[in-house]
Amino acid sequence: RNTAVRLELDADASWTVGCDVPLVDQDGDGADDCPAAIQAR
């Protein structure tokens, strides 16, 4: 994505990967361009 992406670790060993600065849908395709949560465990 050529942008800052963060892995946030929680106390219960779960984690979330998401954009450090989330971007909403700017190209009109109905999906956030850089979501706050790309994947979570």
PDB file of all heavy atoms in Angstrom:
ATOM      1  N   ARG A   1       0.819  -1.219   0.000  1.00  0.00           N
ATOM      2  CA  ARG A   1       0.000   0.000   0.000  1.00  0.00           C
ATOM      3  C   ARG A   1       0.855   1.272   0.000  1.00  0.00           C
ATOM      4  O   ARG A   1       0.322   2.357  -0.131  1.00  0.00           O
ATOM      5  CB  ARG A   1      -0.918   0.012   1.221  1.00  0.00           C
ATOM      6  CG  ARG A   1      -1.924  -1.120   1.242  1.00  0.00           C
ATOM      7  CD  ARG A   1      -2.646  -1.182   2.581  1.00  0.00           C
ATOM      8  NE  ARG A   1      -3.534  -2.310   2.670  1.00  0.00           N
ATOM      9  CZ  ARG A   1      -4.813  -2.303   2.300  1.00  0.00           C
ATOM     10  NH1 ARG A   1      -5.349  -1.196   1.820  1.00  0.00           N
ATOM     11  NH2 ARG A   1      -5.551  -3.383   2.418  1.00  0.00           N
ATOM     12  N   ASN A   2       2.165   1.108   0.216  1.00  0.00           N
ATOM     13  CA  ASN A   2       3.092   2.243   0.307  1.00  0.00           C
ATOM     14  C   ASN A   2       2.628   3.259   1.348  1.00  0.00           C
ATOM     15  O   ASN A   2       2.589   4.467   1.111  1.00  0.00           O
ATOM     16  CB  ASN A   2       3.281   2.920  -1.059  1.00  0.00           C
ATOM     17  CG  ASN A   2       4.492   3.840  -1.051  1.00  0.00           C
ATOM     18  OD1 ASN A   2       5.419   3.661  -0.270  1.00  0.00           O
ATOM     19  ND2 ASN A   2       4.477   4.842  -1.916  1.00  0.00           N
ATOM     20  N   THR A   3       2.262   2.728   2.502  1.00  0.00           N
ATOM     21  CA  THR A   3       1.824   3.568   3.616  1.00  0.00           C
ATOM     22  C   THR A   3       2.153   2.869   4.926  1.00  0.00           C
ATOM     23  O   THR A   3       2.515   1.692   4.933  1.00  0.00           O
ATOM     24  CB  THR A   3       0.313   3.874   3.521  1.00  0.00           C
ATOM     25  OG1 THR A   3      -0.029   4.868   4.481  1.00  0.00           O
ATOM     26  CG2 THR A   3      -0.533   2.634   3.763  1.00  0.00           C
ATOM     27  N   ALA A   4       2.034   3.574   6.023  1.00  0.00           N
ATOM     28  CA  ALA A   4       2.347   3.006   7.338  1.00  0.00           C
ATOM     29  C   ALA A   4       1.250   2.037   7.781  1.00  0.00           C
ATOM     30  O   ALA A   4       0.069   2.384   7.781  1.00  0.00           O
ATOM     31  CB  ALA A   4       2.514   4.120   8.355  1.00  0.00           C
ATOM     32  N   VAL A   5       1.656   0.837   8.152  1.00  0.00           N
ATOM     33  CA  VAL A   5       0.725  -0.186   8.635  1.00  0.00           C
ATOM     34  C   VAL A   5       1.212  -0.656   9.995  1.00  0.00           C
ATOM     35  O   VAL A   5       2.397  -0.884  10.208  1.00  0.00           O
ATOM     36  CB  VAL A   5       0.627  -1.369   7.646  1.00  0.00           C
ATOM     37  CG1 VAL A   5      -0.230  -2.491   8.226  1.00  0.00           C
ATOM     38  CG2 VAL A   5       0.053  -0.911   6.320  1.00  0.00           C
ATOM     39  N   ARG A   6       0.270  -0.800  10.920  1.00  0.00           N
ATOM     40  CA  ARG A   6       0.579  -1.099  12.316  1.00  0.00           C
ATOM     41  C   ARG A   6       0.098  -2.480  12.707  1.00  0.00           C
ATOM     42  O   ARG A   6      -0.969  -2.927  12.282  1.00  0.00           O
ATOM     43  CB  ARG A   6      -0.111  -0.032  13.167  1.00  0.00           C
ATOM     44  CG  ARG A   6      -0.452  -0.396  14.578  1.00  0.00           C
ATOM     45  CD  ARG A   6      -1.347   0.656  15.235  1.00  0.00           C
ATOM     46  NE  ARG A   6      -0.754   1.964  15.209  1.00  0.00           N
ATOM     47  CZ  ARG A   6      -0.026   2.488  16.197  1.00  0.00           C
ATOM     48  NH1 ARG A   6       0.173   1.796  17.305  1.00  0.00           N
ATOM     49  NH2 ARG A   6       0.466   3.690  16.109  1.00  0.00           N
ATOM     50  N   LEU A   7       0.898  -3.167  13.532  1.00  0.00           N
ATOM     51  CA  LEU A   7       0.435  -4.364  14.231  1.00  0.00           C
ATOM     52  C   LEU A   7       0.273  -3.979  15.686  1.00  0.00           C
ATOM     53  O   LEU A   7       1.226  -3.553  16.328  1.00  0.00           O
ATOM     54  CB  LEU A   7       1.414  -5.537  14.120  1.00  0.00           C
ATOM     55  CG  LEU A   7       0.924  -6.781  14.883  1.00  0.00           C
ATOM     56  CD1 LEU A   7       1.022  -8.024  14.030  1.00  0.00           C
ATOM     57  CD2 LEU A   7       1.666  -6.984  16.183  1.00  0.00           C
ATOM     58  N   GLU A   8      -0.942  -4.100  16.183  1.00  0.00           N
ATOM     59  CA  GLU A   8      -1.263  -3.782  17.584  1.00  0.00           C
ATOM     60  C   GLU A   8      -1.489  -5.086  18.331  1.00  0.00           C
ATOM     61  O   GLU A   8      -2.358  -5.879  17.973  1.00  0.00           O
ATOM     62  CB  GLU A   8      -2.514  -2.911  17.639  1.00  0.00           C
ATOM     63  CG  GLU A   8      -2.845  -2.389  19.022  1.00  0.00           C
ATOM     64  CD  GLU A   8      -1.953  -1.216  19.429  1.00  0.00           C
ATOM     65  OE1 GLU A   8      -1.637  -0.368  18.590  1.00  0.00           O
ATOM     66  OE2 GLU A   8      -1.594  -1.179  20.623  1.00  0.00           O
ATOM     67  N   LEU A   9      -0.698  -5.305  19.379  1.00  0.00           N
ATOM     68  CA  LEU A   9      -0.788  -6.519  20.185  1.00  0.00           C
ATOM     69  C   LEU A   9      -1.597  -6.229  21.436  1.00  0.00           C
ATOM     70  O   LEU A   9      -1.339  -5.258  22.138  1.00  0.00           O
ATOM     71  CB  LEU A   9       0.627  -6.979  20.550  1.00  0.00           C
ATOM     72  CG  LEU A   9       0.758  -8.238  21.389  1.00  0.00           C
ATOM     73  CD1 LEU A   9       0.310  -9.460  20.597  1.00  0.00           C
ATOM     74  CD2 LEU A   9       2.189  -8.412  21.841  1.00  0.00           C
ATOM     75  N   ASP A  10      -2.580  -7.086  21.714  1.00  0.00           N
ATOM     76  CA  ASP A  10      -3.394  -6.927  22.916  1.00  0.00           C
ATOM     77  C   ASP A  10      -2.869  -7.813  24.036  1.00  0.00           C
ATOM     78  O   ASP A  10      -2.088  -8.736  23.812  1.00  0.00           O
ATOM     79  CB  ASP A  10      -4.859  -7.260  22.621  1.00  0.00           C
ATOM     80  CG  ASP A  10      -5.492  -6.256  21.666  1.00  0.00           C
ATOM     81  OD1 ASP A  10      -5.139  -5.065  21.748  1.00  0.00           O
ATOM     82  OD2 ASP A  10      -6.323  -6.669  20.838  1.00  0.00           O
ATOM     83  N   ALA A  11      -3.334  -7.553  25.243  1.00  0.00           N
ATOM     84  CA  ALA A  11      -2.855  -8.289  26.419  1.00  0.00           C
ATOM     85  C   ALA A  11      -3.193  -9.771  26.363  1.00  0.00           C
ATOM     86  O   ALA A  11      -2.496 -10.590  26.953  1.00  0.00           O
ATOM     87  CB  ALA A  11      -3.444  -7.673  27.685  1.00  0.00           C
ATOM     88  N   ASP A  12      -4.245 -10.153  25.646  1.00  0.00           N
ATOM     89  CA  ASP A  12      -4.647 -11.561  25.579  1.00  0.00           C
ATOM     90  C   ASP A  12      -4.000 -12.308  24.418  1.00  0.00           C
ATOM     91  O   ASP A  12      -4.467 -13.360  24.008  1.00  0.00           O
ATOM     92  CB  ASP A  12      -6.169 -11.667  25.496  1.00  0.00           C
ATOM     93  CG  ASP A  12      -6.735 -10.940  24.277  1.00  0.00           C
ATOM     94  OD1 ASP A  12      -5.935 -10.384  23.478  1.00  0.00           O
ATOM     95  OD2 ASP A  12      -7.961 -10.919  24.119  1.00  0.00           O
ATOM     96  N   ALA A  13      -2.921 -11.761  23.852  1.00  0.00           N
ATOM     97  CA  ALA A  13      -2.148 -12.353  22.749  1.00  0.00           C
ATOM     98  C   ALA A  13      -2.867 -12.262  21.409  1.00  0.00           C
ATOM     99  O   ALA A  13      -2.409 -12.830  20.429  1.00  0.00           O
ATOM    100  CB  ALA A  13      -1.748 -13.798  23.040  1.00  0.00           C
ATOM    101  N   SER A  14      -3.988 -11.544  21.337  1.00  0.00           N
ATOM    102  CA  SER A  14      -4.617 -11.296  20.047  1.00  0.00           C
ATOM    103  C   SER A  14      -3.928 -10.101  19.399  1.00  0.00           C
ATOM    104  O   SER A  14      -3.262  -9.319  20.075  1.00  0.00           O
ATOM    105  CB  SER A  14      -6.112 -11.024  20.221  1.00  0.00           C
ATOM    106  OG  SER A  14      -6.314  -9.851  20.978  1.00  0.00           O
ATOM    107  N   TRP A  15      -4.058  -9.954  18.098  1.00  0.00           N
ATOM    108  CA  TRP A  15      -3.452  -8.817  17.414  1.00  0.00           C
ATOM    109  C   TRP A  15      -4.326  -8.338  16.274  1.00  0.00           C
ATOM    110  O   TRP A  15      -5.187  -9.074  15.780  1.00  0.00           O
ATOM    111  CB  TRP A  15      -2.042  -9.146  16.905  1.00  0.00           C
ATOM    112  CG  TRP A  15      -1.894 -10.388  16.079  1.00  0.00           C
ATOM    113  CD1 TRP A  15      -1.404 -11.580  16.502  1.00  0.00           C
ATOM    114  CD2 TRP A  15      -2.233 -10.580  14.702  1.00  0.00           C
ATOM    115  NE1 TRP A  15      -1.410 -12.487  15.475  1.00  0.00           N
ATOM    116  CE2 TRP A  15      -1.902 -11.907  14.359  1.00  0.00           C
ATOM    117  CE3 TRP A  15      -2.786  -9.763  13.720  1.00  0.00           C
ATOM    118  CZ2 TRP A  15      -2.111 -12.435  13.077  1.00  0.00           C
ATOM    119  CZ3 TRP A  15      -2.991 -10.281  12.434  1.00  0.00           C
ATOM    120  CH2 TRP A  15      -2.650 -11.592  12.141  1.00  0.00           C
ATOM    121  N   THR A  16      -4.090  -7.087  15.873  1.00  0.00           N
ATOM    122  CA  THR A  16      -4.797  -6.482  14.749  1.00  0.00           C
ATOM    123  C   THR A  16      -3.781  -5.790  13.859  1.00  0.00           C
ATOM    124  O   THR A  16      -2.925  -5.054  14.346  1.00  0.00           O
ATOM    125  CB  THR A  16      -5.836  -5.457  15.232  1.00  0.00           C
ATOM    126  OG1 THR A  16      -6.743  -6.106  16.124  1.00  0.00           O
ATOM    127  CG2 THR A  16      -6.618  -4.862  14.073  1.00  0.00           C
ATOM    128  N   VAL A  17      -3.876  -6.043  12.564  1.00  0.00           N
ATOM    129  CA  VAL A  17      -3.051  -5.352  11.572  1.00  0.00           C
ATOM    130  C   VAL A  17      -3.958  -4.374  10.838  1.00  0.00           C
ATOM    131  O   VAL A  17      -5.021  -4.756  10.345  1.00  0.00           O
ATOM    132  CB  VAL A  17      -2.413  -6.346  10.574  1.00  0.00           C
ATOM    133  CG1 VAL A  17      -1.767  -5.606   9.412  1.00  0.00           C
ATOM    134  CG2 VAL A  17      -1.403  -7.223  11.276  1.00  0.00           C
ATOM    135  N   GLY A  18      -3.541  -3.111  10.804  1.00  0.00           N
ATOM    136  CA  GLY A  18      -4.338  -2.098  10.116  1.00  0.00           C
ATOM    137  C   GLY A  18      -3.495  -0.888   9.788  1.00  0.00           C
ATOM    138  O   GLY A  18      -2.366  -0.741  10.259  1.00  0.00           O
ATOM    139  N   CYS A  19      -4.056  -0.017   8.964  1.00  0.00           N
ATOM    140  CA  CYS A  19      -3.338   1.187   8.567  1.00  0.00           C
ATOM    141  C   CYS A  19      -3.165   2.110   9.764  1.00  0.00           C
ATOM    142  O   CYS A  19      -4.075   2.267  10.578  1.00  0.00           O
ATOM    143  CB  CYS A  19      -4.080   1.888   7.441  1.00  0.00           C
ATOM    144  SG  CYS A  19      -4.106   0.909   5.933  1.00  0.00           S
ATOM    145  N   ASP A  20      -1.984   2.701   9.857  1.00  0.00           N
ATOM    146  CA  ASP A  20      -1.697   3.601  10.968  1.00  0.00           C
ATOM    147  C   ASP A  20      -2.598   4.834  10.884  1.00  0.00           C
ATOM    148  O   ASP A  20      -3.066   5.340  11.901  1.00  0.00           O
ATOM    149  CB  ASP A  20      -0.215   3.998  10.942  1.00  0.00           C
ATOM    150  CG  ASP A  20       0.249   4.587  12.254  1.00  0.00           C
ATOM    151  OD1 ASP A  20      -0.234   4.125  13.311  1.00  0.00           O
ATOM    152  OD2 ASP A  20       1.084   5.502  12.227  1.00  0.00           O
ATOM    153  N   VAL A  21      -2.827   5.320   9.675  1.00  0.00           N
ATOM    154  CA  VAL A  21      -3.767   6.424   9.439  1.00  0.00           C
ATOM    155  C   VAL A  21      -4.801   5.888   8.449  1.00  0.00           C
ATOM    156  O   VAL A  21      -4.555   5.880   7.239  1.00  0.00           O
ATOM    157  CB  VAL A  21      -3.051   7.664   8.869  1.00  0.00           C
ATOM    158  CG1 VAL A  21      -4.055   8.774   8.618  1.00  0.00           C
ATOM    159  CG2 VAL A  21      -1.942   8.128   9.793  1.00  0.00           C
ATOM    160  N   PRO A  22      -5.951   5.423   8.953  1.00  0.00           N
ATOM    161  CA  PRO A  22      -6.955   4.825   8.058  1.00  0.00           C
ATOM    162  C   PRO A  22      -7.463   5.831   7.021  1.00  0.00           C
ATOM    163  O   PRO A  22      -7.620   7.017   7.309  1.00  0.00           O
ATOM    164  CB  PRO A  22      -8.079   4.415   9.008  1.00  0.00           C
ATOM    165  CG  PRO A  22      -7.442   4.330  10.349  1.00  0.00           C
ATOM    166  CD  PRO A  22      -6.353   5.351  10.351  1.00  0.00           C
ATOM    167  N   LEU A  23      -7.694   5.329   5.797  1.00  0.00           N
ATOM    168  CA  LEU A  23      -8.247   6.145   4.721  1.00  0.00           C
ATOM    169  C   LEU A  23      -9.575   5.559   4.306  1.00  0.00           C
ATOM    170  O   LEU A  23      -9.671   4.368   4.003  1.00  0.00           O
ATOM    171  CB  LEU A  23      -7.305   6.168   3.509  1.00  0.00           C
ATOM    172  CG  LEU A  23      -5.957   6.856   3.684  1.00  0.00           C
ATOM    173  CD1 LEU A  23      -5.110   6.671   2.436  1.00  0.00           C
ATOM    174  CD2 LEU A  23      -6.153   8.332   3.980  1.00  0.00           C
ATOM    175  N   VAL A  24     -10.599   6.407   4.261  1.00  0.00           N
ATOM    176  CA  VAL A  24     -11.918   5.954   3.831  1.00  0.00           C
ATOM    177  C   VAL A  24     -11.919   5.787   2.315  1.00  0.00           C
ATOM    178  O   VAL A  24     -10.936   6.092   1.643  1.00  0.00           O
ATOM    179  CB  VAL A  24     -13.022   6.944   4.275  1.00  0.00           C
ATOM    180  CG1 VAL A  24     -13.114   6.986   5.781  1.00  0.00           C
ATOM    181  CG2 VAL A  24     -12.754   8.322   3.711  1.00  0.00           C
ATOM    182  N   ASP A  25     -13.027   5.332   1.780  1.00  0.00           N
ATOM    183  CA  ASP A  25     -13.156   5.089   0.351  1.00  0.00           C
ATOM    184  C   ASP A  25     -13.022   6.397  -0.422  1.00  0.00           C
ATOM    185  O   ASP A  25     -13.889   7.248  -0.362  1.00  0.00           O
ATOM    186  CB  ASP A  25     -14.511   4.428   0.077  1.00  0.00           C
ATOM    187  CG  ASP A  25     -14.702   4.089  -1.382  1.00  0.00           C
ATOM    188  OD1 ASP A  25     -13.693   4.048  -2.109  1.00  0.00           O
ATOM    189  OD2 ASP A  25     -15.850   3.859  -1.790  1.00  0.00           O
ATOM    190  N   GLN A  26     -11.909   6.548  -1.149  1.00  0.00           N
ATOM    191  CA  GLN A  26     -11.698   7.755  -1.942  1.00  0.00           C
ATOM    192  C   GLN A  26     -11.850   7.504  -3.430  1.00  0.00           C
ATOM    193  O   GLN A  26     -12.019   8.446  -4.200  1.00  0.00           O
ATOM    194  CB  GLN A  26     -10.298   8.329  -1.659  1.00  0.00           C
ATOM    195  CG  GLN A  26     -10.152   8.788  -0.218  1.00  0.00           C
ATOM    196  CD  GLN A  26      -8.755   9.284   0.086  1.00  0.00           C
ATOM    197  OE1 GLN A  26      -7.799   8.959  -0.596  1.00  0.00           O
ATOM    198  NE2 GLN A  26      -8.642  10.083   1.144  1.00  0.00           N
ATOM    199  N   ASP A  27     -11.796   6.247  -3.855  1.00  0.00           N
ATOM    200  CA  ASP A  27     -11.913   5.962  -5.280  1.00  0.00           C
ATOM    201  C   ASP A  27     -13.305   5.478  -5.673  1.00  0.00           C
ATOM    202  O   ASP A  27     -13.552   5.133  -6.821  1.00  0.00           O
ATOM    203  CB  ASP A  27     -10.862   4.937  -5.717  1.00  0.00           C
ATOM    204  CG  ASP A  27     -10.902   3.668  -4.889  1.00  0.00           C
ATOM    205  OD1 ASP A  27     -11.850   3.496  -4.094  1.00  0.00           O
ATOM    206  OD2 ASP A  27      -9.979   2.847  -5.036  1.00  0.00           O
ATOM    207  N   GLY A  28     -14.240   5.450  -4.709  1.00  0.00           N
ATOM    208  CA  GLY A  28     -15.634   5.142  -5.000  1.00  0.00           C
ATOM    209  C   GLY A  28     -15.937   3.682  -5.273  1.00  0.00           C
ATOM    210  O   GLY A  28     -16.977   3.364  -5.840  1.00  0.00           O
ATOM    211  N   ASP A  29     -15.057   2.760  -4.849  1.00  0.00           N
ATOM    212  CA  ASP A  29     -15.325   1.340  -5.102  1.00  0.00           C
ATOM    213  C   ASP A  29     -16.095   0.666  -3.966  1.00  0.00           C
ATOM    214  O   ASP A  29     -16.363  -0.522  -3.999  1.00  0.00           O
ATOM    215  CB  ASP A  29     -14.027   0.581  -5.379  1.00  0.00           C
ATOM    216  CG  ASP A  29     -13.088   0.551  -4.179  1.00  0.00           C
ATOM    217  OD1 ASP A  29     -13.387   1.224  -3.170  1.00  0.00           O
ATOM    218  OD2 ASP A  29     -12.061  -0.148  -4.251  1.00  0.00           O
ATOM    219  N   GLY A  30     -16.430   1.421  -2.928  1.00  0.00           N
ATOM    220  CA  GLY A  30     -17.219   0.890  -1.824  1.00  0.00           C
ATOM    221  C   GLY A  30     -16.412   0.285  -0.697  1.00  0.00           C
ATOM    222  O   GLY A  30     -16.977  -0.200   0.280  1.00  0.00           O
ATOM    223  N   ALA A  31     -15.093   0.275  -0.816  1.00  0.00           N
ATOM    224  CA  ALA A  31     -14.232  -0.274   0.241  1.00  0.00           C
ATOM    225  C   ALA A  31     -13.244   0.797   0.684  1.00  0.00           C
ATOM    226  O   ALA A  31     -12.784   1.599  -0.128  1.00  0.00           O
ATOM    227  CB  ALA A  31     -13.480  -1.495  -0.268  1.00  0.00           C
ATOM    228  N   ASP A  32     -12.933   0.780   1.995  1.00  0.00           N
ATOM    229  CA  ASP A  32     -11.948   1.734   2.496  1.00  0.00           C
ATOM    230  C   ASP A  32     -10.616   1.484   1.796  1.00  0.00           C
ATOM    231  O   ASP A  32     -10.192   0.346   1.623  1.00  0.00           O
ATOM    232  CB  ASP A  32     -11.774   1.578   4.007  1.00  0.00           C
ATOM    233  CG  ASP A  32     -12.980   2.102   4.777  1.00  0.00           C
ATOM    234  OD1 ASP A  32     -13.819   2.780   4.163  1.00  0.00           O
ATOM    235  OD2 ASP A  32     -13.071   1.821   5.989  1.00  0.00           O
ATOM    236  N   ASP A  33      -9.948   2.565   1.422  1.00  0.00           N
ATOM    237  CA  ASP A  33      -8.666   2.431   0.729  1.00  0.00           C
ATOM    238  C   ASP A  33      -7.579   1.901   1.658  1.00  0.00           C
ATOM    239  O   ASP A  33      -6.678   1.200   1.217  1.00  0.00           O
ATOM    240  CB  ASP A  33      -8.248   3.777   0.127  1.00  0.00           C
ATOM    241  CG  ASP A  33      -9.164   4.166  -1.026  1.00  0.00           C
ATOM    242  OD1 ASP A  33      -9.755   3.266  -1.636  1.00  0.00           O
ATOM    243  OD2 ASP A  33      -9.291   5.368  -1.309  1.00  0.00           O
ATOM    244  N   CYS A  34      -7.646   2.259   2.907  1.00  0.00           N
ATOM    245  CA  CYS A  34      -6.691   1.735   3.887  1.00  0.00           C
ATOM    246  C   CYS A  34      -7.432   1.590   5.217  1.00  0.00           C
ATOM    247  O   CYS A  34      -7.521   2.535   6.001  1.00  0.00           O
ATOM    248  CB  CYS A  34      -5.488   2.679   4.006  1.00  0.00           C
ATOM    249  SG  CYS A  34      -4.036   1.878   4.704  1.00  0.00           S
ATOM    250  N   PRO A  35      -7.987   0.413   5.483  1.00  0.00           N
ATOM    251  CA  PRO A  35      -8.815   0.235   6.679  1.00  0.00           C
ATOM    252  C   PRO A  35      -8.004   0.175   7.970  1.00  0.00           C
ATOM    253  O   PRO A  35      -6.824  -0.147   7.970  1.00  0.00           O
ATOM    254  CB  PRO A  35      -9.532  -1.092   6.423  1.00  0.00           C
ATOM    255  CG  PRO A  35      -8.644  -1.830   5.496  1.00  0.00           C
ATOM    256  CD  PRO A  35      -7.938  -0.794   4.661  1.00  0.00           C
ATOM    257  N   ALA A  36      -8.689   0.499   9.064  1.00  0.00           N
ATOM    258  CA  ALA A  36      -8.052   0.441  10.384  1.00  0.00           C
ATOM    259  C   ALA A  36      -7.775  -0.997  10.802  1.00  0.00           C
ATOM    260  O   ALA A  36      -6.896  -1.250  11.619  1.00  0.00           O
ATOM    261  CB  ALA A  36      -8.934   1.124  11.420  1.00  0.00           C
ATOM    262  N   ALA A  37      -8.517  -1.946  10.253  1.00  0.00           N
ATOM    263  CA  ALA A  37      -8.302  -3.362  10.554  1.00  0.00           C
ATOM    264  C   ALA A  37      -8.278  -4.143   9.250  1.00  0.00           C
ATOM    265  O   ALA A  37      -9.319  -4.412   8.665  1.00  0.00           O
ATOM    266  CB  ALA A  37      -9.391  -3.892  11.476  1.00  0.00           C
ATOM    267  N   ILE A  38      -7.069  -4.471   8.793  1.00  0.00           N
ATOM    268  CA  ILE A  38      -6.916  -5.276   7.583  1.00  0.00           C
ATOM    269  C   ILE A  38      -7.153  -6.742   7.918  1.00  0.00           C
ATOM    270  O   ILE A  38      -7.842  -7.457   7.209  1.00  0.00           O
ATOM    271  CB  ILE A  38      -5.505  -5.077   6.986  1.00  0.00           C
ATOM    272  CG1 ILE A  38      -5.328  -3.623   6.548  1.00  0.00           C
ATOM    273  CG2 ILE A  38      -5.266  -6.031   5.827  1.00  0.00           C
ATOM    274  CD1 ILE A  38      -3.915  -3.250   6.184  1.00  0.00           C
ATOM    275  N   GLN A  39      -6.554  -7.177   9.016  1.00  0.00           N
ATOM    276  CA  GLN A  39      -6.742  -8.550   9.495  1.00  0.00           C
ATOM    277  C   GLN A  39      -6.538  -8.571  10.999  1.00  0.00           C
ATOM    278  O   GLN A  39      -5.734  -7.803  11.528  1.00  0.00           O
ATOM    279  CB  GLN A  39      -5.762  -9.501   8.811  1.00  0.00           C
ATOM    280  CG  GLN A  39      -5.998 -10.960   9.153  1.00  0.00           C
ATOM    281  CD  GLN A  39      -5.102 -11.899   8.345  1.00  0.00           C
ATOM    282  OE1 GLN A  39      -4.599 -11.543   7.299  1.00  0.00           O
ATOM    283  NE2 GLN A  39      -4.902 -13.095   8.852  1.00  0.00           N
ATOM    284  N   ALA A  40      -7.261  -9.459  11.668  1.00  0.00           N
ATOM    285  CA  ALA A  40      -7.131  -9.583  13.123  1.00  0.00           C
ATOM    286  C   ALA A  40      -7.106 -11.050  13.508  1.00  0.00           C
ATOM    287  O   ALA A  40      -7.682 -11.895  12.826  1.00  0.00           O
ATOM    288  CB  ALA A  40      -8.281  -8.875  13.823  1.00  0.00           C
ATOM    289  N   ARG A  41      -6.414 -11.326  14.587  1.00  0.00           N
ATOM    290  CA  ARG A  41      -6.412 -12.673  15.159  1.00  0.00           C
ATOM    291  C   ARG A  41      -7.011 -12.584  16.541  1.00  0.00           C
ATOM    292  O   ARG A  41      -6.454 -11.931  17.422  1.00  0.00           O
ATOM    293  CB  ARG A  41      -4.999 -13.234  15.255  1.00  0.00           C
ATOM    294  CG  ARG A  41      -4.993 -14.642  15.850  1.00  0.00           C
ATOM    295  CD  ARG A  41      -3.600 -15.016  16.300  1.00  0.00           C
ATOM    296  NE  ARG A  41      -3.515 -16.399  16.662  1.00  0.00           N
ATOM    297  CZ  ARG A  41      -3.680 -16.857  17.907  1.00  0.00           C
ATOM    298  NH1 ARG A  41      -3.961 -16.035  18.882  1.00  0.00           N
ATOM    299  NH2 ARG A  41      -3.567 -18.137  18.166  1.00  0.00           N
TER     300      ARG A  41
END
